[in-house]
Amino acid sequence: MASKLQGLRIALVGPIPPPAGGMANQTRQLQQLLTQDGASVQLIAVNAPYRPEIVGRIPGLRALFRLVPYMIRLYQAAGRAQLLHVMANSGWSWHLFAAPAIWLAWLRDTPVIINYRGGHAPDFFANSWRSVQFSLRRASMVLVPSAFLQQVFASYQQSSAIVANILQHNVFYPAKTPRALSDGEITAPHCIITRNLEAIYDVATTISAFALLQRQYPGARLTIAGSGPLLGALQQQSRQLGLDHAITFSGRLSPEQMADLYRSADIMFNSSLVDNSPNSVIEAMACAVPIISTNVGGITHLVTDEHDALLCAAGDHQAMYHQAVRVLHSAELRSKLVQNGLQNSQRFHWNAVSEQLSAHYQAVIMAKDKQV
């Protein structure tokens, strides 16, 4: 059966790796999967490399050298495409990239779908909703990846539809014999963190929780897969706690390397302070890893406490430690979390997401055709 996306002309606007990150990875995957299903996709990267490269070292000038080519490519793409799909975020990213995309599409009389992401939306909208709404009025539709963001938009009387994040289920899948399903207590656990080393992800709290865990389980190991400005501070924290021998900072990993890391893990910690629908949690579920997470932002819309994850308050390393002990001690609890997590992860497979996305694409295009 031919895909409903076959033959559609789509201009996709968003960030791409490098650096890797949630929205950049989602943009790249979306481009590949839409193309795979027969759509004609032109990607307009908001973080295209500077030309010449030396311009990237000059503040002010580098913004000009990125924005001007971006606007030109955007204007040209809007004239060729049946619709623009814009991956949008909060802060300056909205003002510099998403809002101009809406207005240029309007000038070219091309429908535009805003795919809004990011856990900072409540704070951003509280300060900037008037300017955001001024541009959003020209958009044909708003898509969000979670019920959390849908509720944020609804609080401003802005309708939105949920289209879930995409899981690379051919990459992120369980081991033949998931470690979490072993019988009895796990006495030498491998714990992991798969978030960037930034303040909002509060990796320091997980390290403090792991320090307590390591006292009870001397064979415990922690791998931190990510990069960011707090690397030095987190390494210093590790040294001060006497955990150099037990903590590995692996840096940024490829998707395949990350999947292998998940399959080697007994627990995935997520201690973020702000969050929406993190791919790391979805990937961990798909790889059959028990999850211990904070209950901030959209997390409670993504997983359910005591069902497919164990949740605790942000910044509470003692609670994270106690939840980890529960997981390691009880094979029954691990099995419940893993089996329910695997089931939950299926809603992020492309076959489910593409059905939702193609329906929204067709609705926007048909609405435009009726106007003509």
Protein backbone atom coordinates (compact mmCIF):
# COMPACT_ATOMS: atom_id res chain seq x y z
CA MET A 1 0.00 0.00 0.00
CA ALA A 2 1.34 3.44 -0.96
CA SER A 3 2.16 5.78 1.92
CA LYS A 4 -0.18 8.73 2.48
CA LEU A 5 2.98 10.85 2.48
CA GLN A 6 3.86 9.81 -1.08
CA GLY A 7 4.48 12.81 -3.33
CA LEU A 8 4.00 15.53 -0.71
CA ARG A 9 6.34 18.51 -1.02
CA ILE A 10 7.46 19.51 2.47
CA ALA A 11 9.91 22.15 3.64
CA LEU A 12 11.24 21.03 7.03
CA VAL A 13 12.75 23.76 9.22
CA GLY A 14 14.80 22.95 12.32
CA PRO A 15 18.20 22.26 13.87
CA ILE A 16 20.31 19.27 12.84
CA PRO A 17 23.32 17.53 14.40
CA PRO A 18 26.00 18.45 15.24
CA PRO A 19 25.63 19.07 18.05
CA ALA A 20 23.28 16.19 18.74
CA GLY A 21 20.31 16.92 20.92
CA GLY A 22 16.65 16.06 21.25
CA MET A 23 15.21 18.46 18.67
CA ALA A 24 18.15 18.15 16.28
CA ASN A 25 17.91 14.35 16.32
CA GLN A 26 14.15 14.50 15.82
CA THR A 27 14.53 16.86 12.85
CA ARG A 28 17.08 14.59 11.18
CA GLN A 29 14.99 11.47 11.79
CA LEU A 30 11.84 13.16 10.49
CA GLN A 31 13.60 14.17 7.29
CA GLN A 32 14.83 10.63 6.72
CA LEU A 33 11.52 8.93 7.50
CA LEU A 34 9.39 11.33 5.45
CA THR A 35 11.73 10.79 2.49
CA GLN A 36 11.64 7.03 3.04
CA ASP A 37 7.83 7.17 2.77
CA GLY A 38 7.95 9.01 -0.54
CA ALA A 39 7.67 12.67 0.44
CA SER A 40 9.89 15.26 -1.20
CA VAL A 41 11.60 17.01 1.72
CA GLN A 42 13.75 20.12 1.60
CA LEU A 43 15.57 20.67 4.89
CA ILE A 44 16.31 24.22 5.97
CA ALA A 45 18.71 23.96 8.91
CA VAL A 46 18.59 26.80 11.43
CA ASN A 47 22.15 25.92 12.50
CA ALA A 48 23.77 25.50 9.10
CA PRO A 49 27.60 25.72 9.15
CA TYR A 50 29.08 29.19 8.80
CA ARG A 51 30.52 30.07 5.41
CA PRO A 52 33.37 30.97 5.65
CA GLU A 53 34.06 29.00 8.83
CA ILE A 54 36.06 31.80 10.47
CA VAL A 55 32.88 33.92 10.68
CA GLY A 56 31.63 31.62 13.45
CA ARG A 57 34.25 33.09 15.79
CA ILE A 58 33.02 36.68 15.44
CA PRO A 59 29.98 37.58 17.62
CA GLY A 60 27.39 39.71 15.83
CA LEU A 61 28.81 39.05 12.39
CA ARG A 62 28.16 35.32 12.71
CA ALA A 63 24.45 35.97 13.41
CA LEU A 64 24.22 37.98 10.19
CA PHE A 65 26.03 35.32 8.17
CA ARG A 66 23.64 32.66 9.46
CA LEU A 67 20.34 34.56 9.38
CA VAL A 68 20.57 36.09 5.91
CA PRO A 69 21.20 32.78 4.07
CA TYR A 70 18.54 31.15 6.29
CA MET A 71 15.93 33.73 5.26
CA ILE A 72 16.80 33.35 1.57
CA ARG A 73 16.58 29.55 1.67
CA LEU A 74 13.36 29.75 3.65
CA TYR A 75 11.72 32.15 1.21
CA GLN A 76 12.69 30.01 -1.77
CA ALA A 77 11.56 26.76 -0.10
CA ALA A 78 8.20 28.25 0.87
CA GLY A 79 7.54 28.98 -2.79
CA ARG A 80 8.12 25.35 -3.81
CA ALA A 81 6.57 23.42 -0.92
CA GLN A 82 2.96 22.47 -0.23
CA LEU A 83 3.60 23.20 3.46
CA LEU A 84 6.27 24.21 5.93
CA HIS A 85 6.88 22.02 9.00
CA VAL A 86 8.75 24.15 11.55
CA MET A 87 10.45 22.60 14.58
CA ALA A 88 10.08 25.40 17.14
CA ASN A 89 11.45 26.05 20.60
CA SER A 90 11.38 28.74 23.29
CA GLY A 91 13.50 31.84 23.72
CA TRP A 92 15.62 33.41 21.02
CA SER A 93 15.16 30.33 18.86
CA TRP A 94 11.50 31.27 18.48
CA HIS A 95 12.17 34.91 17.64
CA LEU A 96 15.09 34.29 15.27
CA PHE A 97 13.92 31.19 13.41
CA ALA A 98 10.32 30.08 14.03
CA ALA A 99 8.54 33.43 13.83
CA PRO A 100 10.32 34.47 10.60
CA ALA A 101 9.42 31.10 9.07
CA ILE A 102 5.73 31.73 9.80
CA TRP A 103 5.80 35.18 8.22
CA LEU A 104 7.78 34.18 5.15
CA ALA A 105 5.38 31.26 4.57
CA TRP A 106 2.48 33.70 4.90
CA LEU A 107 4.08 36.00 2.33
CA ARG A 108 4.42 33.03 -0.07
CA ASP A 109 0.85 31.90 0.73
CA THR A 110 2.11 28.52 1.97
CA PRO A 111 0.55 26.71 4.95
CA VAL A 112 2.83 26.34 7.96
CA ILE A 113 2.70 23.82 10.81
CA ILE A 114 4.46 24.79 14.02
CA ASN A 115 5.82 21.73 15.85
CA TYR A 116 6.55 23.25 19.26
CA ARG A 117 8.96 21.57 21.70
CA GLY A 118 10.77 22.29 24.94
CA GLY A 119 10.07 22.21 28.66
CA HIS A 120 10.70 25.97 29.03
CA ALA A 121 7.40 26.90 27.34
CA PRO A 122 5.55 27.95 30.55
CA ASP A 123 8.23 30.50 31.50
CA PHE A 124 8.73 31.68 27.92
CA PHE A 125 5.00 32.19 27.28
CA ALA A 126 4.54 33.98 30.61
CA ASN A 127 6.93 36.68 29.37
CA SER A 128 6.45 36.59 25.60
CA TRP A 129 2.98 35.27 24.77
CA ARG A 130 1.81 38.43 22.97
CA SER A 131 4.63 38.28 20.46
CA VAL A 132 4.31 34.49 20.12
CA GLN A 133 0.56 34.71 19.54
CA PHE A 134 1.01 37.53 17.01
CA SER A 135 2.95 35.14 14.77
CA LEU A 136 0.98 31.99 15.64
CA ARG A 137 -2.18 33.57 14.20
CA ARG A 138 -0.62 33.08 10.77
CA ALA A 139 0.14 29.39 11.37
CA SER A 140 -2.21 26.73 10.07
CA MET A 141 -1.71 24.32 12.99
CA VAL A 142 0.29 23.78 16.17
CA LEU A 143 1.66 20.32 16.93
CA VAL A 144 3.21 19.33 20.27
CA PRO A 145 4.84 16.06 21.39
CA SER A 146 3.11 15.78 24.76
CA ALA A 147 -0.08 16.39 26.75
CA PHE A 148 2.03 18.64 28.98
CA LEU A 149 2.69 21.14 26.18
CA GLN A 150 -0.87 20.79 24.93
CA GLN A 151 -2.07 21.94 28.35
CA VAL A 152 0.38 24.84 28.31
CA PHE A 153 -1.01 26.05 24.98
CA ALA A 154 -4.60 25.47 26.13
CA SER A 155 -3.99 27.77 29.12
CA TYR A 156 -3.53 30.54 26.52
CA GLN A 157 -6.61 29.44 24.54
CA GLN A 158 -4.43 28.10 21.74
CA SER A 159 -5.45 24.75 20.30
CA SER A 160 -2.81 22.13 19.47
CA ALA A 161 -2.61 18.48 18.47
CA ILE A 162 -0.29 15.83 19.88
CA VAL A 163 2.16 14.03 17.59
CA ALA A 164 4.62 11.96 19.59
CA ASN A 165 8.40 12.01 19.30
CA ILE A 166 9.87 9.45 16.93
CA LEU A 167 11.69 6.42 18.33
CA GLN A 168 14.29 4.71 16.14
CA HIS A 169 12.95 1.29 17.06
CA ASN A 170 15.38 -0.42 14.68
CA VAL A 171 18.19 1.00 16.84
CA PHE A 172 16.64 1.16 20.31
CA TYR A 173 15.39 -2.31 21.23
CA PRO A 174 15.94 -4.73 24.15
CA ALA A 175 18.74 -7.22 24.49
CA LYS A 176 17.70 -10.82 23.89
CA THR A 177 17.94 -11.30 27.65
CA PRO A 178 17.42 -7.89 29.29
CA ARG A 179 19.63 -7.44 32.36
CA ALA A 180 16.70 -6.11 34.37
CA LEU A 181 14.83 -9.40 34.04
CA SER A 182 17.48 -11.39 35.92
CA ASP A 183 16.31 -13.22 39.03
CA GLY A 184 17.12 -12.05 42.53
CA GLU A 185 19.00 -8.94 43.64
CA ILE A 186 21.43 -7.15 41.34
CA THR A 187 24.56 -6.59 43.41
CA ALA A 188 26.91 -4.93 40.90
CA PRO A 189 24.58 -2.61 38.99
CA HIS A 190 25.46 -0.53 35.96
CA CYS A 191 23.62 2.80 36.15
CA ILE A 192 23.48 5.35 33.34
CA ILE A 193 22.64 8.99 32.64
CA THR A 194 21.97 10.00 29.03
CA ARG A 195 21.42 13.75 29.23
CA ASN A 196 23.55 16.73 28.31
CA LEU A 197 25.71 18.19 31.06
CA GLU A 198 23.65 21.34 31.56
CA ALA A 199 22.09 22.90 34.65
CA ILE A 200 18.50 21.99 33.72
CA TYR A 201 19.35 18.27 33.73
CA ASP A 202 20.83 18.40 37.26
CA VAL A 203 23.23 15.50 36.77
CA ALA A 204 24.83 16.47 40.10
CA THR A 205 21.81 15.13 41.98
CA THR A 206 22.15 11.74 40.31
CA ILE A 207 25.86 11.62 41.19
CA SER A 208 24.95 12.32 44.84
CA ALA A 209 22.36 9.52 44.72
CA PHE A 210 24.90 7.19 43.14
CA ALA A 211 27.40 7.96 45.93
CA LEU A 212 24.92 6.55 48.43
CA LEU A 213 24.21 3.58 46.19
CA GLN A 214 27.90 2.83 45.79
CA ARG A 215 28.34 2.53 49.56
CA GLN A 216 25.71 -0.22 49.64
CA TYR A 217 26.81 -1.82 46.36
CA PRO A 218 30.60 -1.38 46.04
CA GLY A 219 30.55 -2.96 42.59
CA ALA A 220 28.14 -0.34 41.23
CA ARG A 221 29.18 1.69 38.17
CA LEU A 222 27.77 4.88 36.64
CA THR A 223 28.21 5.92 32.99
CA ILE A 224 27.34 9.48 32.06
CA ALA A 225 26.78 9.83 28.30
CA GLY A 226 26.58 13.45 27.28
CA SER A 227 28.56 16.64 26.89
CA GLY A 228 28.10 20.19 28.03
CA PRO A 229 29.42 23.13 30.04
CA LEU A 230 29.20 21.39 33.43
CA LEU A 231 31.62 18.58 32.58
CA GLY A 232 34.45 19.98 34.71
CA ALA A 233 32.22 20.68 37.72
CA LEU A 234 30.69 17.20 37.58
CA GLN A 235 34.11 15.56 37.28
CA GLN A 236 35.24 17.55 40.32
CA GLN A 237 32.15 16.41 42.25
CA SER A 238 32.97 12.83 41.32
CA ARG A 239 36.55 13.20 42.59
CA GLN A 240 35.45 14.84 45.84
CA LEU A 241 33.08 11.95 46.52
CA GLY A 242 35.85 9.43 45.83
CA LEU A 243 34.00 7.99 42.84
CA ASP A 244 36.58 8.34 40.06
CA HIS A 245 36.93 4.58 39.90
CA ALA A 246 33.18 4.04 39.54
CA ILE A 247 32.03 6.89 37.26
CA THR A 248 32.79 7.09 33.55
CA PHE A 249 32.17 10.25 31.53
CA SER A 250 31.82 8.79 28.06
CA GLY A 251 31.01 12.01 26.21
CA ARG A 252 28.50 12.23 23.40
CA LEU A 253 27.65 8.91 21.75
CA SER A 254 26.17 7.96 18.39
CA PRO A 255 22.62 6.51 18.45
CA GLU A 256 24.00 3.01 17.99
CA GLN A 257 26.50 3.46 20.82
CA MET A 258 23.78 4.90 23.01
CA ALA A 259 21.52 1.91 22.32
CA ASP A 260 24.33 -0.45 23.32
CA LEU A 261 24.78 1.55 26.52
CA TYR A 262 21.09 1.22 27.37
CA ARG A 263 21.23 -2.53 26.82
CA SER A 264 24.16 -2.77 29.23
CA ALA A 265 22.34 -0.88 32.00
CA ASP A 266 20.36 -1.93 35.06
CA ILE A 267 18.98 1.55 35.86
CA MET A 268 18.59 4.80 33.92
CA PHE A 269 18.54 7.96 36.05
CA ASN A 270 16.90 11.19 34.87
CA SER A 271 17.19 14.02 37.41
CA SER A 272 16.10 16.91 35.18
CA LEU A 273 14.61 20.10 36.62
CA VAL A 274 12.78 21.07 33.41
CA ASP A 275 11.50 18.59 30.86
CA ASN A 276 8.90 17.88 28.23
CA SER A 277 8.97 14.47 26.52
CA PRO A 278 12.64 13.44 26.68
CA ASN A 279 13.86 10.99 24.06
CA SER A 280 16.23 9.51 26.64
CA VAL A 281 13.32 8.19 28.70
CA ILE A 282 11.58 6.83 25.59
CA GLU A 283 14.77 5.12 24.44
CA ALA A 284 15.37 3.59 27.86
CA MET A 285 11.87 2.11 27.88
CA ALA A 286 12.41 0.69 24.39
CA CYS A 287 15.66 -0.95 25.53
CA ALA A 288 14.06 -2.52 28.62
CA VAL A 289 15.84 -0.38 31.22
CA PRO A 290 14.10 0.50 34.53
CA ILE A 291 13.78 4.29 34.85
CA ILE A 292 14.12 6.48 37.93
CA SER A 293 13.18 10.07 37.10
CA THR A 294 12.08 13.35 38.56
CA ASN A 295 8.41 14.18 38.12
CA VAL A 296 8.87 17.60 36.50
CA GLY A 297 7.12 19.12 33.47
CA GLY A 298 5.86 16.59 30.98
CA ILE A 299 7.45 13.53 32.62
CA THR A 300 4.21 12.55 34.35
CA HIS A 301 2.45 12.64 30.97
CA LEU A 302 5.12 10.41 29.46
CA VAL A 303 5.39 7.74 32.17
CA THR A 304 3.33 6.68 35.18
CA ASP A 305 4.83 6.33 38.64
CA GLU A 306 5.07 2.72 39.86
CA HIS A 307 3.85 1.49 36.45
CA ASP A 308 6.61 2.06 33.89
CA ALA A 309 8.95 4.28 35.93
CA LEU A 310 9.68 5.36 39.48
CA LEU A 311 9.29 9.10 40.04
CA CYS A 312 10.50 11.45 42.75
CA ALA A 313 10.78 15.17 43.43
CA ALA A 314 13.46 17.20 41.71
CA GLY A 315 16.71 17.65 43.63
CA ASP A 316 16.01 14.80 46.07
CA HIS A 317 19.04 12.53 45.82
CA GLN A 318 17.95 10.52 48.86
CA ALA A 319 14.68 9.60 47.15
CA MET A 320 16.50 8.61 43.96
CA TYR A 321 18.82 6.41 45.99
CA HIS A 322 15.95 4.68 47.78
CA GLN A 323 14.14 4.07 44.51
CA ALA A 324 17.32 2.55 43.06
CA VAL A 325 17.61 0.16 46.01
CA ARG A 326 14.01 -0.94 45.41
CA VAL A 327 14.76 -1.66 41.76
CA LEU A 328 17.92 -3.61 42.48
CA HIS A 329 16.34 -5.64 45.27
CA SER A 330 13.12 -6.70 43.53
CA ALA A 331 13.05 -8.75 40.33
CA GLU A 332 9.25 -8.44 40.36
CA LEU A 333 9.39 -4.64 40.35
CA ARG A 334 12.01 -4.60 37.59
CA SER A 335 9.92 -6.92 35.45
CA LYS A 336 6.81 -4.75 35.88
CA LEU A 337 8.64 -1.55 34.97
CA VAL A 338 10.32 -3.12 31.95
CA GLN A 339 7.25 -4.82 30.49
CA ASN A 340 5.05 -1.74 30.90
CA GLY A 341 7.82 0.48 29.54
CA LEU A 342 8.18 -1.66 26.42
CA GLN A 343 4.45 -1.40 25.81
CA ASN A 344 4.49 2.37 26.34
CA SER A 345 7.38 2.83 23.90
CA GLN A 346 5.40 1.38 21.00
CA ARG A 347 3.37 4.57 20.58
CA PHE A 348 6.57 6.31 19.47
CA HIS A 349 7.23 3.97 16.53
CA TRP A 350 7.17 5.61 13.10
CA ASN A 351 4.18 3.61 11.85
CA ALA A 352 2.06 5.17 14.61
CA VAL A 353 3.55 8.67 14.35
CA SER A 354 3.36 8.80 10.54
CA GLU A 355 -0.38 8.09 10.60
CA GLN A 356 -0.95 11.08 12.87
CA LEU A 357 1.40 13.32 10.94
CA SER A 358 0.06 12.50 7.49
CA ALA A 359 -3.51 13.18 8.66
CA HIS A 360 -2.50 16.65 9.85
CA TYR A 361 -0.55 17.35 6.66
CA GLN A 362 -3.54 16.39 4.50
CA ALA A 363 -5.92 18.48 6.61
CA VAL A 364 -3.75 21.58 6.26
CA ILE A 365 -3.26 21.11 2.51
CA MET A 366 -6.98 20.47 1.92
CA ALA A 367 -7.92 23.56 3.90
CA LYS A 368 -5.56 25.59 1.73
CA ASP A 369 -7.00 24.10 -1.49
CA LYS A 370 -10.53 25.02 -0.41
CA GLN A 371 -9.46 28.63 0.04
CA VAL A 372 -8.22 28.64 -3.55
